Every structure is written in C-alpha cells, then in structure tokens.
N, C-alpha and C. Protein backbone atom coordinates (compact mmCIF):
# COMPACT_ATOMS: atom_id res chain seq x y z
N MET A 1 99.50 81.01 106.92
CA MET A 1 99.78 82.06 108.20
C MET A 1 100.07 83.52 107.60
N MET A 2 99.62 84.47 108.00
CA MET A 2 99.68 85.76 107.32
C MET A 2 100.45 86.63 108.69
N PHE A 3 101.39 87.40 108.24
CA PHE A 3 102.29 88.00 109.18
C PHE A 3 101.55 89.58 109.04
N ASP A 4 102.31 90.22 110.48
CA ASP A 4 101.16 91.72 110.64
C ASP A 4 102.74 92.41 110.14
N VAL A 5 102.62 93.48 109.19
CA VAL A 5 103.58 94.34 108.43
C VAL A 5 103.80 95.65 109.45
N LYS A 6 104.55 96.34 109.77
CA LYS A 6 104.70 97.42 110.42
C LYS A 6 105.67 98.06 110.29
N LEU A 7 105.59 99.60 109.92
CA LEU A 7 106.39 100.72 109.47
C LEU A 7 107.20 100.95 110.74
N ALA A 8 108.51 100.84 110.95
CA ALA A 8 109.34 101.12 112.07
C ALA A 8 109.56 102.69 112.18
N TYR A 9 109.95 103.35 113.26
CA TYR A 9 110.15 104.79 113.54
C TYR A 9 111.56 104.88 112.05
N GLY A 10 110.71 106.12 111.34
CA GLY A 10 111.67 106.62 110.25
C GLY A 10 111.23 105.88 108.79
N SER A 11 110.79 104.45 108.84
CA SER A 11 110.62 104.08 107.62
C SER A 11 109.16 104.42 106.85
N ASP A 12 107.92 105.01 107.90
CA ASP A 12 106.79 105.33 107.44
C ASP A 12 107.63 106.71 106.37
N GLU A 13 108.17 107.56 107.13
CA GLU A 13 108.64 108.78 106.11
C GLU A 13 109.48 108.33 105.00
N ASP A 14 110.21 107.53 105.16
CA ASP A 14 110.87 106.76 103.68
C ASP A 14 109.97 106.38 102.77
N PHE A 15 108.89 105.72 103.17
CA PHE A 15 107.93 105.32 102.26
C PHE A 15 106.96 106.51 101.59
N ALA A 16 106.81 107.31 102.71
CA ALA A 16 105.95 108.49 102.09
C ALA A 16 106.71 109.56 101.32
N LYS A 17 108.25 109.61 100.87
CA LYS A 17 108.92 110.19 100.22
C LYS A 17 108.76 109.55 98.68
N LEU A 18 108.43 107.88 98.27
CA LEU A 18 108.38 107.87 97.07
C LEU A 18 107.81 108.21 96.35
N ASP A 19 107.99 107.82 94.94
CA ASP A 19 106.93 108.33 93.88
C ASP A 19 105.78 107.26 93.67
N GLY A 20 104.85 107.40 92.92
CA GLY A 20 103.45 106.52 93.03
C GLY A 20 104.13 105.05 92.14
N SER A 21 104.82 104.70 91.57
CA SER A 21 105.56 103.79 90.99
C SER A 21 106.56 103.10 91.65
N GLN A 22 107.43 103.47 92.80
CA GLN A 22 108.07 103.18 93.83
C GLN A 22 107.00 102.44 95.00
N LYS A 23 106.14 103.38 95.20
CA LYS A 23 105.14 102.94 96.03
C LYS A 23 104.67 101.70 95.73
N ILE A 24 104.02 101.45 94.89
CA ILE A 24 103.45 100.05 94.12
C ILE A 24 104.24 99.20 94.49
N GLN A 25 105.58 99.23 93.84
CA GLN A 25 106.73 97.97 94.01
C GLN A 25 106.80 97.57 95.32
N VAL A 26 107.15 98.97 96.15
CA VAL A 26 107.43 98.59 97.55
C VAL A 26 106.30 97.96 98.31
N LEU A 27 104.97 98.24 98.01
CA LEU A 27 103.71 97.66 98.59
C LEU A 27 103.84 96.21 97.99
N LYS A 28 104.12 95.90 96.85
CA LYS A 28 104.38 94.45 96.57
C LYS A 28 105.45 93.58 97.51
N SER A 29 106.53 94.29 97.69
CA SER A 29 107.27 93.93 98.86
C SER A 29 106.42 93.41 100.46
N PHE A 30 105.73 94.37 100.65
CA PHE A 30 105.12 94.33 101.96
C PHE A 30 104.01 93.15 101.55
N GLU A 31 103.30 93.10 100.40
CA GLU A 31 102.46 91.88 100.59
C GLU A 31 103.59 90.48 100.47
N LYS A 32 104.65 90.21 100.11
CA LYS A 32 105.41 89.04 99.92
C LYS A 32 105.89 89.02 101.74
N ILE A 33 106.27 90.03 102.08
CA ILE A 33 106.64 89.71 103.68
C ILE A 33 105.32 89.24 104.09
N GLU A 34 104.35 89.71 104.39
CA GLU A 34 102.86 89.60 104.78
C GLU A 34 102.73 88.04 104.59
N LYS A 35 102.86 87.52 103.42
CA LYS A 35 102.92 86.04 103.25
C LYS A 35 103.95 85.17 103.80
N LYS A 36 105.23 85.25 103.66
CA LYS A 36 106.30 84.72 103.99
C LYS A 36 107.09 84.63 105.12
N GLY A 37 106.67 86.27 105.69
CA GLY A 37 107.52 86.44 106.68
C GLY A 37 109.00 86.30 106.84
N MET A 38 109.69 85.81 107.41
CA MET A 38 111.17 85.95 107.23
C MET A 38 112.04 85.17 106.21
N LEU A 39 111.02 84.32 105.77
CA LEU A 39 111.38 83.46 104.86
C LEU A 39 111.52 84.30 103.39
N ALA A 40 111.05 85.80 103.24
CA ALA A 40 111.04 86.76 102.40
C ALA A 40 112.52 87.02 102.08
N GLY A 41 112.77 87.43 100.82
CA GLY A 41 114.29 87.94 100.91
C GLY A 41 115.38 87.21 101.21
N GLU A 42 116.80 88.44 101.11
CA GLU A 42 118.09 87.55 101.54
C GLU A 42 118.41 88.13 102.85
N GLY A 43 119.09 87.34 103.56
CA GLY A 43 119.23 87.42 104.53
C GLY A 43 120.80 88.53 104.88
N LEU A 44 120.94 89.13 105.76
CA LEU A 44 122.06 90.22 105.76
C LEU A 44 123.14 89.61 106.74
N LYS A 45 124.27 90.81 106.93
CA LYS A 45 125.34 89.87 107.41
C LYS A 45 126.13 90.96 108.41
N GLY A 46 126.69 90.87 109.22
CA GLY A 46 127.30 91.35 110.26
C GLY A 46 126.04 92.42 111.05
N LYS A 47 126.34 93.86 111.37
CA LYS A 47 125.29 94.51 111.80
C LYS A 47 124.07 94.29 111.85
N LEU A 48 123.72 94.17 110.59
CA LEU A 48 122.57 93.96 110.25
C LEU A 48 122.18 92.59 110.27
N SER A 49 122.52 91.66 110.67
CA SER A 49 122.18 89.85 110.57
C SER A 49 121.12 89.52 111.11
N ASP A 50 120.30 90.55 111.88
CA ASP A 50 118.93 89.95 112.23
C ASP A 50 117.92 90.56 110.98
N CYS A 51 118.19 90.89 109.81
CA CYS A 51 117.42 91.55 109.19
C CYS A 51 117.65 90.78 107.91
N ASN A 52 116.65 90.89 106.93
CA ASN A 52 116.41 90.57 105.59
C ASN A 52 116.35 91.70 104.88
N LYS A 53 116.41 91.51 103.28
CA LYS A 53 116.48 92.47 102.27
C LYS A 53 115.46 91.79 101.23
N LEU A 54 114.68 92.85 100.87
CA LEU A 54 114.17 92.36 99.28
C LEU A 54 114.65 93.60 98.52
N THR A 55 115.03 93.49 97.22
CA THR A 55 115.40 94.69 96.34
C THR A 55 114.65 94.90 95.17
N HIS A 56 114.63 96.06 94.84
CA HIS A 56 113.81 96.23 93.40
C HIS A 56 115.20 97.06 92.93
N LYS A 57 115.68 95.99 91.82
CA LYS A 57 116.97 96.41 91.26
C LYS A 57 116.99 97.59 90.29
N ARG A 58 115.72 97.60 89.62
CA ARG A 58 115.52 98.22 88.45
C ARG A 58 115.10 99.73 89.01
N LEU A 59 114.76 99.91 90.37
CA LEU A 59 114.28 100.90 90.92
C LEU A 59 115.72 101.66 91.94
N GLY A 60 116.76 100.54 92.13
CA GLY A 60 117.46 100.85 93.14
C GLY A 60 117.02 101.00 94.54
N LEU A 61 116.16 100.16 94.66
CA LEU A 61 115.65 100.42 96.24
C LEU A 61 115.72 99.03 96.96
N ARG A 62 115.86 99.35 98.29
CA ARG A 62 115.84 97.94 99.23
C ARG A 62 114.76 98.24 100.40
N VAL A 63 114.30 97.27 100.74
CA VAL A 63 113.36 97.10 101.95
C VAL A 63 113.85 96.12 102.66
N LEU A 64 114.47 96.85 103.76
CA LEU A 64 115.08 96.01 104.78
C LEU A 64 114.05 95.94 106.15
N PHE A 65 113.76 94.59 106.79
CA PHE A 65 112.78 94.14 107.81
C PHE A 65 113.61 93.06 108.42
N ARG A 66 112.77 92.96 109.73
CA ARG A 66 113.38 92.07 110.66
C ARG A 66 111.85 91.80 111.35
N GLU A 67 112.27 90.31 112.50
CA GLU A 67 111.11 90.12 113.39
C GLU A 67 111.10 91.35 114.60
N HIS A 68 110.01 91.61 114.98
CA HIS A 68 109.74 92.59 116.07
C HIS A 68 109.63 92.01 117.16
N ASP A 69 110.16 92.25 118.35
CA ASP A 69 110.31 91.74 119.64
C ASP A 69 110.12 90.40 119.85
N ASN A 70 110.94 89.55 118.75
CA ASN A 70 110.97 87.95 118.96
C ASN A 70 109.83 87.76 118.62
N ASN A 71 109.01 88.01 117.67
CA ASN A 71 107.38 87.83 117.81
C ASN A 71 107.26 87.48 116.20
N ILE A 72 107.46 86.58 115.90
CA ILE A 72 107.50 86.21 114.13
C ILE A 72 106.15 86.62 113.55
N GLU A 73 104.88 86.74 114.25
CA GLU A 73 103.72 87.33 113.87
C GLU A 73 104.11 88.87 113.30
N ILE A 74 104.97 89.59 114.04
CA ILE A 74 105.04 91.03 113.52
C ILE A 74 106.43 91.43 112.84
N ILE A 75 106.54 91.67 111.49
CA ILE A 75 107.75 91.89 110.85
C ILE A 75 107.68 93.39 111.04
N GLU A 76 109.02 94.24 111.18
CA GLU A 76 109.05 95.57 111.53
C GLU A 76 109.81 95.80 110.16
N ILE A 77 109.63 96.93 109.06
CA ILE A 77 110.24 97.51 107.91
C ILE A 77 111.17 98.54 108.76
N VAL A 78 112.58 98.71 108.54
CA VAL A 78 113.44 99.01 109.15
C VAL A 78 113.53 100.36 108.31
N ILE A 79 113.91 100.11 107.06
CA ILE A 79 114.24 101.11 106.00
C ILE A 79 113.53 100.73 104.42
N VAL A 80 113.19 101.63 103.94
CA VAL A 80 112.86 101.56 102.60
C VAL A 80 113.53 103.11 101.80
N GLY A 81 114.58 102.69 100.64
CA GLY A 81 115.58 103.42 100.37
C GLY A 81 116.58 102.85 99.32
N LYS A 82 117.37 104.07 98.47
CA LYS A 82 118.25 103.34 97.71
C LYS A 82 119.61 103.16 98.19
N ARG A 83 119.98 102.19 97.59
CA ARG A 83 121.06 101.93 98.10
C ARG A 83 122.18 102.30 98.02
N ALA A 84 122.54 103.79 96.90
CA ALA A 84 123.32 104.53 96.68
C ALA A 84 124.52 104.76 97.86
N ASP A 85 125.80 104.05 97.74
CA ASP A 85 126.78 103.95 98.19
C ASP A 85 126.46 103.45 99.52
N SER A 86 125.68 102.48 99.80
CA SER A 86 125.47 101.56 101.17
C SER A 86 124.51 102.45 102.12
N GLU A 87 124.32 103.68 101.79
CA GLU A 87 123.46 104.49 102.31
C GLU A 87 122.50 103.94 102.90
N VAL A 88 121.70 103.37 102.76
CA VAL A 88 120.45 102.77 103.50
C VAL A 88 120.80 101.62 104.21
N TYR A 89 122.15 101.05 104.66
CA TYR A 89 122.42 100.00 105.44
C TYR A 89 123.12 100.97 106.50
N LYS A 90 123.79 101.82 106.12
CA LYS A 90 124.12 102.92 106.89
C LYS A 90 122.85 103.42 107.98
N MET A 91 122.18 103.96 107.40
CA MET A 91 120.81 104.33 108.16
C MET A 91 120.14 103.27 108.95
N ALA A 92 119.99 102.00 108.32
CA ALA A 92 119.49 101.11 109.28
C ALA A 92 120.23 100.58 110.46
N GLU A 93 121.46 100.90 110.24
CA GLU A 93 122.11 100.43 111.57
C GLU A 93 121.90 101.40 112.41
N LYS A 94 121.82 102.97 111.90
CA LYS A 94 121.63 103.83 113.36
C LYS A 94 120.46 103.44 113.59
N ARG A 95 119.28 103.38 112.87
CA ARG A 95 117.80 103.48 113.55
C ARG A 95 117.69 102.18 114.45
N LEU A 96 118.58 100.92 114.03
CA LEU A 96 118.28 99.69 115.05
C LEU A 96 119.21 100.29 116.31
N ASN A 97 120.09 100.95 116.44
CA ASN A 97 120.57 100.99 117.48
C ASN A 97 120.00 102.23 118.48
N ARG A 98 118.97 102.59 118.10
CA ARG A 98 118.01 103.81 119.00
C ARG A 98 117.67 103.00 120.00
C-alpha cells in the first residue's frame, strides 16, 4: 500500500529553503513515508505525540510528519528543518496549534 504525502502549511517553504543535497535526502524520507506510512521513523512524545520523525544526522535535519484527518492514507509533513536548540520542535508545535 502506498500512502499519499502532502506538505502542510509552511513545510513547503521549509523544503524550498534547502540546498540541492539536502533536498535529495529529504525526498528519500518522503519516499520512505510513502511506503511505510506511520511505521516510518520514530514516535515523538509530549505535545507532538501524534507525530513521528525521520532524522538526517549528518545534515542535522528532521522531518516531522503525522496522519492527516485520521486518514492513514494521507501523511502530512509538518516541518522540515534543523534541530538547533529544539527550534524545529517548537515551530512544529506552533504549526499544529493553528
């Protein structure tokens, strides 16, 4: 089963800001999410407990995603960014509270 992956508000801009090599790695994450859905990545805790993350340690990037509208066929990319001082997690919380 393949899952549909869509970029949430703001995450399309996050992706556009990445350089070419970063985009290639993040696209690989999107492909993994398309194939595995919410089984991809590691679950988060606290206010982001409904999200999973895939990490690119060498690049310092995180891809946070969640099911959209309780429909497992659509996975929403919440944010793509660097972990620096947990900023990516703080921004994800703000986006999800909209």
